[in-house]
């Protein structure tokens, strides 16, 4: 495509090409892919202490983009404060490895991991952080936490009442 400026000079315009193919639009099926998948059970063991934090880092996370079929790579960091149960690490490893062939957007994967951990151990709190490698020059970090903080609420505080007018 050629464009000309007001002075008649030729301007170059970059055309977007996707290696000769046209990608179909994203669908609801793409968005839901992998969310309801059955993964290996997260086994637990009885916690013996209170008031400490467990951090587990998995630098070899892989899954598959449900739209393109291309692999996604990243590091998953799980941090939680246990109550009565702790996650058995071999079971966690097998659980995370099951994502390898699963078609799921990594935003959904991080949230699914969080929900599955909360269902397994009911911690005081849990944060799952996904740090994904560059794709198309962009890196993505996703944080999911439980319990969720609701808008208008400070950490450890009560929900704020509406502002009163002062004169």
N, C-alpha and C. Protein backbone atom coordinates (compact mmCIF):
# COMPACT_ATOMS: atom_id res chain seq x y z
N UNK A 1 0.85 -1.17 0.00
CA UNK A 1 0.00 0.00 0.00
C UNK A 1 0.90 1.23 0.00
N UNK A 2 0.59 2.19 -0.85
CA UNK A 2 1.36 3.41 -0.91
C UNK A 2 0.47 4.58 -0.52
N UNK A 3 1.02 5.47 0.27
CA UNK A 3 0.32 6.69 0.65
C UNK A 3 1.21 7.87 0.30
N UNK A 4 0.62 9.01 0.02
CA UNK A 4 1.37 10.20 -0.30
C UNK A 4 1.02 11.29 0.69
N UNK A 5 2.03 12.03 1.12
CA UNK A 5 1.80 13.13 2.04
C UNK A 5 1.23 14.32 1.27
N UNK A 6 0.91 15.39 2.00
CA UNK A 6 0.38 16.60 1.37
C UNK A 6 1.37 17.19 0.37
N UNK A 7 2.66 16.94 0.54
CA UNK A 7 3.68 17.46 -0.36
C UNK A 7 3.96 16.51 -1.51
N UNK A 8 3.25 15.39 -1.57
CA UNK A 8 3.44 14.46 -2.66
C UNK A 8 4.56 13.46 -2.43
N UNK A 9 5.17 13.46 -1.24
CA UNK A 9 6.24 12.51 -0.94
C UNK A 9 5.62 11.15 -0.61
N UNK A 10 6.27 10.10 -1.09
CA UNK A 10 5.75 8.77 -0.82
C UNK A 10 6.07 8.37 0.62
N UNK A 11 5.07 7.87 1.35
CA UNK A 11 5.25 7.38 2.72
C UNK A 11 5.20 5.86 2.71
N UNK A 12 6.00 5.23 3.51
CA UNK A 12 5.94 3.78 3.63
C UNK A 12 5.02 3.41 4.77
N UNK A 13 4.20 2.42 4.53
CA UNK A 13 3.27 1.94 5.54
C UNK A 13 3.54 0.47 5.75
N UNK A 14 3.72 0.07 6.97
CA UNK A 14 3.94 -1.35 7.28
C UNK A 14 2.62 -2.09 7.21
N UNK A 15 2.61 -3.17 6.47
CA UNK A 15 1.42 -4.00 6.40
C UNK A 15 1.57 -5.15 7.37
N UNK A 16 0.52 -5.46 8.08
CA UNK A 16 0.55 -6.57 9.02
C UNK A 16 0.26 -7.86 8.27
N UNK A 17 1.17 -8.79 8.36
CA UNK A 17 0.99 -10.09 7.74
C UNK A 17 1.19 -11.16 8.79
N UNK A 18 0.44 -12.22 8.67
CA UNK A 18 0.56 -13.32 9.61
C UNK A 18 1.05 -14.56 8.86
N UNK A 19 2.22 -14.42 8.26
CA UNK A 19 2.87 -15.50 7.52
C UNK A 19 1.93 -16.13 6.50
N UNK A 20 1.19 -15.30 5.80
CA UNK A 20 0.34 -15.79 4.72
C UNK A 20 -0.96 -16.43 5.15
N UNK A 21 -1.23 -16.49 6.46
CA UNK A 21 -2.48 -17.11 6.92
C UNK A 21 -3.33 -16.07 7.63
N UNK A 22 -4.59 -16.29 7.62
CA UNK A 22 -5.53 -15.43 8.33
C UNK A 22 -6.05 -16.22 9.52
N UNK A 23 -5.94 -15.62 10.70
CA UNK A 23 -6.38 -16.30 11.92
C UNK A 23 -7.88 -16.07 12.13
N UNK A 24 -8.59 -17.10 12.54
CA UNK A 24 -10.01 -16.99 12.85
C UNK A 24 -10.18 -16.21 14.15
N UNK A 25 -11.36 -15.67 14.35
CA UNK A 25 -11.65 -14.93 15.57
C UNK A 25 -11.63 -15.86 16.78
N UNK A 26 -11.38 -15.28 17.95
CA UNK A 26 -11.47 -16.04 19.18
C UNK A 26 -12.92 -16.37 19.44
N UNK A 27 -13.17 -17.56 19.97
CA UNK A 27 -14.53 -17.99 20.26
C UNK A 27 -14.70 -18.25 21.75
N UNK A 28 -15.94 -18.45 22.16
CA UNK A 28 -16.21 -18.81 23.56
C UNK A 28 -15.57 -20.15 23.89
N UNK A 29 -15.50 -21.04 22.90
CA UNK A 29 -14.84 -22.34 23.13
C UNK A 29 -13.36 -22.15 23.43
N UNK A 30 -12.70 -21.23 22.72
CA UNK A 30 -11.30 -20.93 23.03
C UNK A 30 -11.18 -20.43 24.47
N UNK A 31 -12.07 -19.50 24.83
CA UNK A 31 -12.00 -18.88 26.16
C UNK A 31 -12.21 -19.90 27.27
N UNK A 32 -13.09 -20.88 27.05
CA UNK A 32 -13.39 -21.87 28.10
C UNK A 32 -12.44 -23.07 28.09
N UNK A 33 -11.64 -23.20 27.06
CA UNK A 33 -10.81 -24.40 26.89
C UNK A 33 -9.97 -24.69 28.14
N UNK A 34 -10.02 -25.92 28.58
CA UNK A 34 -9.18 -26.40 29.66
C UNK A 34 -9.67 -26.12 31.07
N UNK A 35 -10.61 -25.20 31.23
CA UNK A 35 -11.03 -24.80 32.58
C UNK A 35 -11.66 -25.96 33.34
N UNK A 36 -12.46 -26.78 32.67
CA UNK A 36 -13.14 -27.89 33.34
C UNK A 36 -12.37 -29.22 33.24
N UNK A 37 -11.15 -29.17 32.73
CA UNK A 37 -10.37 -30.41 32.55
C UNK A 37 -10.06 -31.08 33.88
N UNK A 38 -10.12 -32.40 33.85
CA UNK A 38 -9.79 -33.21 35.03
C UNK A 38 -8.27 -33.38 35.07
N UNK A 39 -7.67 -32.95 36.15
CA UNK A 39 -6.22 -33.04 36.34
C UNK A 39 -5.92 -33.94 37.53
N UNK A 40 -4.66 -34.37 37.66
CA UNK A 40 -4.32 -35.23 38.81
C UNK A 40 -4.68 -34.57 40.14
N UNK A 41 -5.05 -35.41 41.10
CA UNK A 41 -5.47 -34.94 42.42
C UNK A 41 -4.30 -34.29 43.16
N UNK A 42 -4.61 -33.21 43.86
CA UNK A 42 -3.63 -32.57 44.73
C UNK A 42 -3.73 -33.21 46.11
N UNK A 43 -2.85 -34.16 46.39
CA UNK A 43 -2.83 -34.81 47.70
C UNK A 43 -2.31 -33.84 48.76
N UNK A 44 -2.71 -34.06 49.99
CA UNK A 44 -2.31 -33.19 51.10
C UNK A 44 -1.79 -34.02 52.26
N UNK A 45 -1.17 -33.34 53.21
CA UNK A 45 -0.74 -33.98 54.45
C UNK A 45 -1.04 -33.01 55.60
N UNK A 46 -1.23 -33.54 56.82
CA UNK A 46 -1.65 -32.70 57.95
C UNK A 46 -0.56 -31.72 58.39
N UNK A 47 -0.91 -30.45 58.44
CA UNK A 47 0.00 -29.41 58.90
C UNK A 47 0.19 -29.52 60.42
N UNK A 48 1.42 -29.28 60.87
CA UNK A 48 1.74 -29.40 62.29
C UNK A 48 2.00 -28.06 62.98
N UNK A 49 2.11 -26.99 62.20
CA UNK A 49 2.46 -25.68 62.75
C UNK A 49 1.53 -24.62 62.19
N UNK A 50 1.53 -23.45 62.84
CA UNK A 50 0.70 -22.34 62.38
C UNK A 50 1.58 -21.12 62.07
N UNK A 51 1.04 -20.23 61.25
CA UNK A 51 1.67 -18.93 61.06
C UNK A 51 2.91 -18.89 60.18
N UNK A 52 3.04 -19.76 59.22
CA UNK A 52 4.19 -19.71 58.32
C UNK A 52 3.70 -19.76 56.87
N UNK A 53 4.58 -19.44 55.94
CA UNK A 53 4.24 -19.35 54.53
C UNK A 53 5.05 -20.37 53.74
N UNK A 54 4.37 -21.02 52.81
CA UNK A 54 5.02 -21.97 51.90
C UNK A 54 5.06 -21.33 50.51
N UNK A 55 6.25 -21.32 49.91
CA UNK A 55 6.42 -20.81 48.55
C UNK A 55 7.01 -21.93 47.70
N UNK A 56 6.34 -22.25 46.60
CA UNK A 56 6.82 -23.27 45.68
C UNK A 56 6.91 -22.64 44.30
N UNK A 57 8.06 -22.84 43.66
CA UNK A 57 8.30 -22.26 42.34
C UNK A 57 8.47 -23.38 41.33
N UNK A 58 7.77 -23.29 40.21
CA UNK A 58 7.84 -24.30 39.16
C UNK A 58 8.27 -23.61 37.86
N UNK A 59 9.60 -23.61 37.56
CA UNK A 59 10.11 -22.86 36.41
C UNK A 59 9.94 -23.56 35.07
N UNK A 60 9.30 -24.72 35.05
CA UNK A 60 9.16 -25.48 33.81
C UNK A 60 7.72 -25.64 33.36
N UNK A 61 6.87 -24.65 33.66
CA UNK A 61 5.47 -24.73 33.27
C UNK A 61 5.35 -24.67 31.75
N UNK A 62 4.52 -25.53 31.20
CA UNK A 62 4.16 -25.46 29.78
C UNK A 62 2.69 -25.82 29.63
N UNK A 63 2.07 -25.22 28.65
CA UNK A 63 0.72 -25.58 28.23
C UNK A 63 0.62 -25.24 26.75
N UNK A 64 -0.58 -25.38 26.19
CA UNK A 64 -0.77 -25.14 24.77
C UNK A 64 -1.85 -24.08 24.59
N UNK A 65 -1.59 -23.12 23.72
CA UNK A 65 -2.61 -22.12 23.40
C UNK A 65 -3.78 -22.82 22.72
N UNK A 66 -5.00 -22.66 23.22
CA UNK A 66 -6.14 -23.37 22.63
C UNK A 66 -6.53 -22.86 21.25
N UNK A 67 -6.05 -21.70 20.89
CA UNK A 67 -6.39 -21.16 19.57
C UNK A 67 -5.36 -21.54 18.52
N UNK A 68 -4.08 -21.34 18.84
CA UNK A 68 -3.03 -21.54 17.84
C UNK A 68 -2.39 -22.92 17.91
N UNK A 69 -2.50 -23.58 19.07
CA UNK A 69 -1.82 -24.84 19.25
C UNK A 69 -0.34 -24.68 19.57
N UNK A 70 0.11 -23.44 19.69
CA UNK A 70 1.52 -23.17 20.00
C UNK A 70 1.75 -23.34 21.51
N UNK A 71 2.96 -23.78 21.89
CA UNK A 71 3.24 -23.96 23.32
C UNK A 71 3.42 -22.63 24.04
N UNK A 72 3.01 -22.61 25.30
CA UNK A 72 3.25 -21.48 26.20
C UNK A 72 4.21 -21.96 27.28
N UNK A 73 5.17 -21.12 27.64
CA UNK A 73 6.16 -21.46 28.65
C UNK A 73 6.15 -20.40 29.73
N UNK A 74 6.45 -20.82 30.96
CA UNK A 74 6.52 -19.84 32.03
C UNK A 74 6.95 -20.45 33.34
N UNK A 75 6.95 -19.61 34.34
CA UNK A 75 7.25 -19.99 35.72
C UNK A 75 6.02 -19.73 36.56
N UNK A 76 5.61 -20.73 37.31
CA UNK A 76 4.48 -20.60 38.23
C UNK A 76 5.03 -20.57 39.65
N UNK A 77 4.66 -19.55 40.40
CA UNK A 77 5.04 -19.45 41.81
C UNK A 77 3.76 -19.49 42.63
N UNK A 78 3.72 -20.41 43.58
CA UNK A 78 2.57 -20.60 44.46
C UNK A 78 3.01 -20.25 45.87
N UNK A 79 2.26 -19.38 46.51
CA UNK A 79 2.57 -18.99 47.88
C UNK A 79 1.28 -19.05 48.69
N UNK A 80 1.35 -19.73 49.85
CA UNK A 80 0.15 -19.82 50.68
C UNK A 80 0.52 -20.01 52.14
N UNK A 81 -0.44 -19.66 53.02
CA UNK A 81 -0.30 -19.90 54.45
C UNK A 81 -1.26 -21.03 54.80
N UNK A 82 -0.70 -22.20 55.16
CA UNK A 82 -1.57 -23.35 55.41
C UNK A 82 -2.36 -23.21 56.71
N UNK A 83 -3.49 -23.89 56.72
CA UNK A 83 -4.27 -24.06 57.94
C UNK A 83 -4.03 -25.48 58.43
N UNK A 84 -4.96 -26.38 58.08
CA UNK A 84 -4.88 -27.77 58.56
C UNK A 84 -4.12 -28.69 57.63
N UNK A 85 -4.04 -28.33 56.34
CA UNK A 85 -3.43 -29.21 55.34
C UNK A 85 -2.36 -28.47 54.53
N UNK A 86 -1.36 -29.24 54.06
CA UNK A 86 -0.33 -28.74 53.15
C UNK A 86 -0.37 -29.59 51.88
N UNK A 87 0.03 -29.02 50.78
CA UNK A 87 0.05 -29.75 49.51
C UNK A 87 1.28 -30.65 49.47
N UNK A 88 1.06 -31.90 49.10
CA UNK A 88 2.15 -32.85 48.93
C UNK A 88 2.86 -32.48 47.63
N UNK A 89 4.20 -32.28 47.67
CA UNK A 89 4.92 -31.70 46.54
C UNK A 89 4.97 -32.60 45.31
N UNK A 90 5.06 -33.90 45.47
CA UNK A 90 5.06 -34.77 44.29
C UNK A 90 3.72 -34.69 43.57
N UNK A 91 2.63 -34.65 44.33
CA UNK A 91 1.31 -34.51 43.73
C UNK A 91 1.19 -33.17 43.00
N UNK A 92 1.75 -32.10 43.59
CA UNK A 92 1.73 -30.79 42.95
C UNK A 92 2.52 -30.84 41.64
N UNK A 93 3.66 -31.50 41.66
CA UNK A 93 4.47 -31.62 40.44
C UNK A 93 3.69 -32.35 39.34
N UNK A 94 3.05 -33.45 39.67
CA UNK A 94 2.29 -34.21 38.68
C UNK A 94 1.10 -33.38 38.17
N UNK A 95 0.47 -32.65 39.06
CA UNK A 95 -0.63 -31.77 38.69
C UNK A 95 -0.16 -30.72 37.68
N UNK A 96 0.94 -30.04 37.98
CA UNK A 96 1.44 -28.99 37.09
C UNK A 96 1.95 -29.55 35.76
N UNK A 97 2.53 -30.74 35.78
CA UNK A 97 2.98 -31.36 34.54
C UNK A 97 1.81 -31.73 33.62
N UNK A 98 0.64 -31.93 34.19
CA UNK A 98 -0.54 -32.30 33.39
C UNK A 98 -0.99 -31.16 32.48
N UNK A 99 -0.55 -29.94 32.76
CA UNK A 99 -0.87 -28.81 31.89
C UNK A 99 -0.11 -28.87 30.57
N UNK A 100 0.93 -29.67 30.50
CA UNK A 100 1.81 -29.72 29.34
C UNK A 100 1.07 -29.91 28.02
N UNK A 101 0.07 -30.77 27.99
CA UNK A 101 -0.67 -31.04 26.76
C UNK A 101 -2.08 -30.44 26.77
N UNK A 102 -2.34 -29.58 27.75
CA UNK A 102 -3.68 -29.01 27.91
C UNK A 102 -3.79 -27.70 27.14
N UNK A 103 -4.84 -27.58 26.33
CA UNK A 103 -5.13 -26.32 25.65
C UNK A 103 -5.86 -25.39 26.60
N UNK A 104 -5.16 -24.36 27.10
CA UNK A 104 -5.74 -23.42 28.06
C UNK A 104 -4.97 -22.11 27.97
N UNK A 105 -5.69 -20.99 27.99
CA UNK A 105 -5.01 -19.71 28.05
C UNK A 105 -4.31 -19.60 29.39
N UNK A 106 -3.12 -18.97 29.41
CA UNK A 106 -2.41 -18.96 30.68
C UNK A 106 -3.08 -18.10 31.74
N UNK A 107 -3.89 -17.15 31.35
CA UNK A 107 -4.68 -16.41 32.34
C UNK A 107 -5.63 -17.36 33.07
N UNK A 108 -6.26 -18.25 32.31
CA UNK A 108 -7.15 -19.24 32.90
C UNK A 108 -6.38 -20.27 33.71
N UNK A 109 -5.21 -20.66 33.24
CA UNK A 109 -4.40 -21.65 33.97
C UNK A 109 -4.04 -21.15 35.36
N UNK A 110 -3.60 -19.91 35.47
CA UNK A 110 -3.23 -19.36 36.78
C UNK A 110 -4.44 -19.37 37.72
N UNK A 111 -5.59 -18.97 37.22
CA UNK A 111 -6.80 -18.97 38.06
C UNK A 111 -7.26 -20.37 38.40
N UNK A 112 -7.14 -21.32 37.47
CA UNK A 112 -7.51 -22.71 37.76
C UNK A 112 -6.59 -23.30 38.82
N UNK A 113 -5.30 -23.04 38.71
CA UNK A 113 -4.35 -23.52 39.71
C UNK A 113 -4.73 -22.99 41.09
N UNK A 114 -5.01 -21.69 41.17
CA UNK A 114 -5.42 -21.09 42.44
C UNK A 114 -6.66 -21.78 43.00
N UNK A 115 -7.70 -21.93 42.19
CA UNK A 115 -8.95 -22.53 42.68
C UNK A 115 -8.74 -23.98 43.11
N UNK A 116 -7.93 -24.73 42.38
CA UNK A 116 -7.68 -26.13 42.74
C UNK A 116 -6.89 -26.24 44.05
N UNK A 117 -5.94 -25.35 44.27
CA UNK A 117 -5.18 -25.35 45.53
C UNK A 117 -6.10 -24.98 46.70
N UNK A 118 -6.89 -23.95 46.52
CA UNK A 118 -7.82 -23.54 47.59
C UNK A 118 -8.79 -24.67 47.92
N UNK A 119 -9.31 -25.35 46.90
CA UNK A 119 -10.22 -26.47 47.14
C UNK A 119 -9.53 -27.61 47.89
N UNK A 120 -8.24 -27.82 47.62
CA UNK A 120 -7.51 -28.93 48.24
C UNK A 120 -7.13 -28.66 49.69
N UNK A 121 -6.65 -27.44 50.01
CA UNK A 121 -6.09 -27.20 51.36
C UNK A 121 -6.78 -26.11 52.17
N UNK A 122 -7.69 -25.33 51.57
CA UNK A 122 -8.37 -24.24 52.29
C UNK A 122 -7.39 -23.43 53.14
N UNK A 123 -6.42 -22.76 52.50
CA UNK A 123 -5.41 -22.02 53.25
C UNK A 123 -5.96 -20.73 53.86
N UNK A 124 -5.16 -20.10 54.70
CA UNK A 124 -5.51 -18.77 55.20
C UNK A 124 -5.61 -17.81 54.01
N UNK A 125 -4.62 -17.89 53.13
CA UNK A 125 -4.60 -17.12 51.90
C UNK A 125 -3.69 -17.83 50.91
N UNK A 126 -3.83 -17.48 49.64
CA UNK A 126 -3.00 -18.08 48.60
C UNK A 126 -2.85 -17.09 47.45
N UNK A 127 -1.65 -17.04 46.87
CA UNK A 127 -1.38 -16.24 45.68
C UNK A 127 -0.68 -17.15 44.68
N UNK A 128 -1.15 -17.13 43.44
CA UNK A 128 -0.48 -17.84 42.35
C UNK A 128 -0.04 -16.78 41.35
N UNK A 129 1.25 -16.83 41.01
CA UNK A 129 1.84 -15.87 40.07
C UNK A 129 2.37 -16.65 38.88
N UNK A 130 1.93 -16.29 37.70
CA UNK A 130 2.45 -16.86 36.47
C UNK A 130 3.26 -15.82 35.73
N UNK A 131 4.50 -16.13 35.42
CA UNK A 131 5.38 -15.24 34.66
C UNK A 131 5.69 -15.97 33.36
N UNK A 132 5.15 -15.47 32.24
CA UNK A 132 5.22 -16.19 30.98
C UNK A 132 6.22 -15.56 30.03
N UNK A 133 6.89 -16.41 29.26
CA UNK A 133 7.93 -15.96 28.36
C UNK A 133 7.35 -15.13 27.22
N UNK A 134 8.24 -14.42 26.56
CA UNK A 134 7.81 -13.50 25.51
C UNK A 134 7.16 -14.23 24.35
N UNK A 135 6.10 -13.61 23.87
CA UNK A 135 5.42 -14.07 22.65
C UNK A 135 5.08 -12.80 21.88
N UNK A 136 5.61 -12.70 20.68
CA UNK A 136 5.38 -11.50 19.89
C UNK A 136 5.96 -10.25 20.54
N UNK A 137 7.02 -10.43 21.31
CA UNK A 137 7.67 -9.30 21.96
C UNK A 137 7.05 -8.87 23.27
N UNK A 138 6.01 -9.58 23.73
CA UNK A 138 5.33 -9.22 24.98
C UNK A 138 5.49 -10.33 26.01
N UNK A 139 5.79 -9.94 27.24
CA UNK A 139 5.75 -10.90 28.34
C UNK A 139 4.50 -10.59 29.16
N UNK A 140 4.01 -11.61 29.84
CA UNK A 140 2.79 -11.44 30.63
C UNK A 140 3.00 -12.00 32.02
N UNK A 141 2.57 -11.25 33.04
CA UNK A 141 2.55 -11.71 34.43
C UNK A 141 1.11 -11.71 34.89
N UNK A 142 0.72 -12.79 35.53
CA UNK A 142 -0.65 -12.90 36.03
C UNK A 142 -0.60 -13.25 37.50
N UNK A 143 -1.36 -12.50 38.30
CA UNK A 143 -1.48 -12.76 39.73
C UNK A 143 -2.93 -13.09 40.03
N UNK A 144 -3.14 -14.18 40.75
CA UNK A 144 -4.48 -14.52 41.23
C UNK A 144 -4.37 -14.75 42.72
N UNK A 145 -5.30 -14.23 43.49
CA UNK A 145 -5.22 -14.37 44.96
C UNK A 145 -6.54 -14.83 45.53
N UNK A 146 -6.42 -15.48 46.67
CA UNK A 146 -7.59 -15.89 47.44
C UNK A 146 -7.31 -15.63 48.90
N UNK A 147 -8.19 -15.10 49.68
CA UNK A 147 -9.47 -14.60 49.23
C UNK A 147 -9.27 -13.32 48.43
N UNK A 148 -10.21 -13.07 47.53
CA UNK A 148 -10.14 -11.86 46.72
C UNK A 148 -10.45 -10.67 47.59
N UNK A 149 -9.78 -9.58 47.31
CA UNK A 149 -10.10 -8.33 48.00
C UNK A 149 -11.21 -7.67 47.21
N UNK A 150 -12.25 -7.26 47.90
CA UNK A 150 -13.34 -6.58 47.19
C UNK A 150 -13.02 -5.09 47.08
N UNK A 151 -13.54 -4.44 46.03
CA UNK A 151 -13.29 -3.00 45.88
C UNK A 151 -13.75 -2.24 47.12
N UNK A 152 -13.00 -1.23 47.49
CA UNK A 152 -13.38 -0.43 48.66
C UNK A 152 -12.98 -1.07 49.97
N UNK A 153 -12.14 -2.08 49.90
CA UNK A 153 -11.75 -2.78 51.12
C UNK A 153 -10.23 -2.74 51.24
N UNK A 154 -9.77 -2.38 52.41
CA UNK A 154 -8.33 -2.38 52.67
C UNK A 154 -7.94 -3.74 53.21
N UNK A 155 -6.69 -4.13 52.97
CA UNK A 155 -6.21 -5.41 53.50
C UNK A 155 -6.34 -5.38 55.01
N UNK A 156 -7.00 -6.38 55.56
CA UNK A 156 -7.17 -6.50 57.00
C UNK A 156 -8.20 -5.55 57.59
N UNK A 157 -8.87 -4.77 56.75
CA UNK A 157 -9.83 -3.79 57.26
C UNK A 157 -11.26 -4.18 56.93
N UNK A 158 -12.17 -3.36 57.37
CA UNK A 158 -13.57 -3.59 57.08
C UNK A 158 -13.96 -2.83 55.82
N UNK A 159 -15.07 -3.22 55.24
CA UNK A 159 -15.57 -2.50 54.07
C UNK A 159 -15.91 -1.09 54.50
N UNK A 160 -15.44 -0.12 53.70
CA UNK A 160 -15.68 1.28 54.03
C UNK A 160 -17.12 1.67 53.71
N UNK A 161 -17.69 2.43 54.58
CA UNK A 161 -19.03 2.96 54.33
C UNK A 161 -18.90 4.10 53.34
N UNK A 162 -20.02 4.46 52.73
CA UNK A 162 -20.02 5.59 51.79
C UNK A 162 -19.55 6.86 52.48
N UNK A 163 -18.96 7.77 51.72
CA UNK A 163 -18.46 9.01 52.29
C UNK A 163 -19.61 9.89 52.73
N UNK A 164 -19.41 10.50 53.85
CA UNK A 164 -20.41 11.47 54.30
C UNK A 164 -19.97 12.85 53.85
N UNK A 165 -20.93 13.71 53.61
CA UNK A 165 -20.61 15.07 53.20
C UNK A 165 -20.31 15.89 54.43
N UNK A 166 -19.21 16.61 54.39
CA UNK A 166 -18.90 17.49 55.51
C UNK A 166 -18.89 18.92 55.00
N UNK A 167 -19.35 19.83 55.82
CA UNK A 167 -19.41 21.24 55.42
C UNK A 167 -18.55 22.07 56.30
